[in-house]
Structure formats: C-alpha cells, structure tokens
Amino acid sequence: MLQIKNLKASINKKQILNDLNLDIKNGEVHAIMGPNGSGKSTLANILSGKSGYNISGKINYQGIIIFQAFRDNEGVEIFKSQFEWFKKQINI
C-alpha cells in the first residue's frame, strides 16, 4: 500500500532523514515513534506535500509513484511528483 525507499530529506542543509525505508501493506497499522528531532514530523510533512524540503528517494502509494528523485546516466536530476493526487486520495 505505502512503500518508501531510500528517502533522504534535509532543510537548510541539515540532514533529517537518511535512507528511510518503510513498507506498509494493506490493512496494516503502524505508529511512527521516536525522540524529538528524529524526523517524525518531517516524514508527515513530506507525505502531505509540504514544500521547503530537499528530498530524494522513492514513495509509492498503491503501486503509483507519488515521488521519485534520481540522477540519470548523465548526472541530471529527475523528479516525478504526484503529491497533489496523493493528498486527494487520502483526503488531506
């Protein structure tokens, strides 16, 4: 249902998430827990499409790529984002 691969996030040159991987299958319930500053809110903000973060990695929702950032063979960064579609799907 929701799959996150190698998600990295930073803001103002401060690394917050580094290679986060998460796989939530249909019907599962997960809680994101951790100490202050561990990236819980950052993850929620990224999933809701909040701007201002430098992110890379891949996010899939029900088999649809919500976000993907990578470098092609020539070193050009390529981004694919469907956060607006995702927000409508989960009623944010």
Protein backbone atom coordinates (compact mmCIF):
# COMPACT_ATOMS: atom_id res chain seq x y z
CA MET A 1 0.00 0.00 0.00
CA LEU A 2 2.66 2.57 1.04
CA GLN A 3 6.28 1.95 0.22
CA ILE A 4 9.17 4.32 0.88
CA LYS A 5 12.64 3.55 -0.47
CA ASN A 6 15.88 5.35 0.40
CA LEU A 7 14.13 8.57 1.43
CA LYS A 8 16.52 11.36 2.33
CA ALA A 9 15.37 14.77 3.50
CA SER A 10 17.14 17.92 4.53
CA ILE A 11 16.22 21.50 5.20
CA ASN A 12 18.62 24.43 5.37
CA LYS A 13 21.49 21.98 4.71
CA LYS A 14 20.58 19.96 7.84
CA GLN A 15 20.06 16.24 7.11
CA ILE A 16 16.90 14.99 8.85
CA LEU A 17 16.07 11.67 7.17
CA ASN A 18 18.79 9.46 5.76
CA ASP A 19 17.87 6.40 3.66
CA LEU A 20 14.49 5.76 5.33
CA ASN A 21 12.81 2.58 4.13
CA LEU A 22 9.24 1.66 5.06
CA ASP A 23 6.77 -0.86 3.66
CA ILE A 24 3.18 -0.76 4.93
CA LYS A 25 0.91 -3.40 3.48
CA ASN A 26 -2.84 -3.06 3.01
CA GLY A 27 -4.65 -3.49 6.34
CA GLU A 28 -1.58 -2.87 8.50
CA VAL A 29 -1.43 -0.14 11.10
CA HIS A 30 1.90 1.42 12.05
CA ALA A 31 2.95 4.02 14.58
CA ILE A 32 5.93 6.27 13.91
CA MET A 33 7.70 6.85 17.22
CA GLY A 34 10.99 8.36 18.26
CA PRO A 35 12.66 11.13 20.22
CA ASN A 36 12.34 14.81 19.39
CA GLY A 37 14.27 15.67 16.24
CA SER A 38 14.25 12.15 14.80
CA GLY A 39 12.20 13.09 11.71
CA LYS A 40 8.62 12.07 12.54
CA SER A 41 7.12 15.44 11.60
CA THR A 42 9.42 15.72 8.60
CA LEU A 43 8.09 12.43 7.26
CA ALA A 44 4.49 13.56 7.79
CA ASN A 45 5.23 16.90 6.12
CA ILE A 46 6.83 15.24 3.12
CA LEU A 47 3.92 12.80 2.71
CA SER A 48 1.49 15.71 2.83
CA GLY A 49 3.44 17.52 0.10
CA LYS A 50 4.77 20.39 2.18
CA SER A 51 7.41 22.33 0.29
CA GLY A 52 10.77 23.53 1.55
CA TYR A 53 12.50 20.17 1.95
CA ASN A 54 15.27 18.84 -0.25
CA ILE A 55 14.24 15.23 -0.76
CA SER A 56 15.39 12.23 -2.73
CA GLY A 57 14.23 8.64 -2.88
CA LYS A 58 11.00 6.99 -3.95
CA ILE A 59 7.48 6.91 -2.48
CA ASN A 60 4.79 4.58 -3.85
CA TYR A 61 1.15 4.51 -2.82
CA GLN A 62 -0.93 1.57 -4.04
CA GLY A 63 1.60 0.93 -6.82
CA ILE A 64 1.59 4.53 -8.06
CA ILE A 65 4.79 6.57 -7.81
CA ILE A 66 3.98 9.57 -5.63
CA PHE A 67 7.51 10.89 -5.60
CA GLN A 68 10.74 9.82 -7.19
CA ALA A 69 14.06 11.62 -7.44
CA PHE A 70 17.16 10.18 -9.02
CA ARG A 71 20.05 11.02 -11.33
CA ASP A 72 20.06 9.76 -14.90
CA ASN A 73 23.14 8.37 -16.67
CA GLU A 74 24.35 11.89 -17.42
CA GLY A 75 24.00 13.09 -13.83
CA VAL A 76 20.83 15.09 -14.43
CA GLU A 77 18.40 15.09 -11.52
CA ILE A 78 14.94 13.84 -12.46
CA PHE A 79 11.89 14.39 -10.29
CA LYS A 80 8.44 12.91 -10.52
CA SER A 81 5.85 14.16 -8.07
CA GLN A 82 2.15 13.44 -7.66
CA PHE A 83 1.68 14.80 -4.15
CA GLU A 84 -1.49 16.66 -5.15
CA TRP A 85 -3.09 13.44 -6.42
CA PHE A 86 -1.97 11.61 -3.27
CA LYS A 87 -3.46 14.27 -0.98
CA LYS A 88 -6.83 13.88 -2.73
CA GLN A 89 -6.68 10.09 -2.32
CA ILE A 90 -6.20 10.26 1.43
CA ASN A 91 -8.34 13.39 1.95
CA ILE A 92 -5.66 15.76 3.26
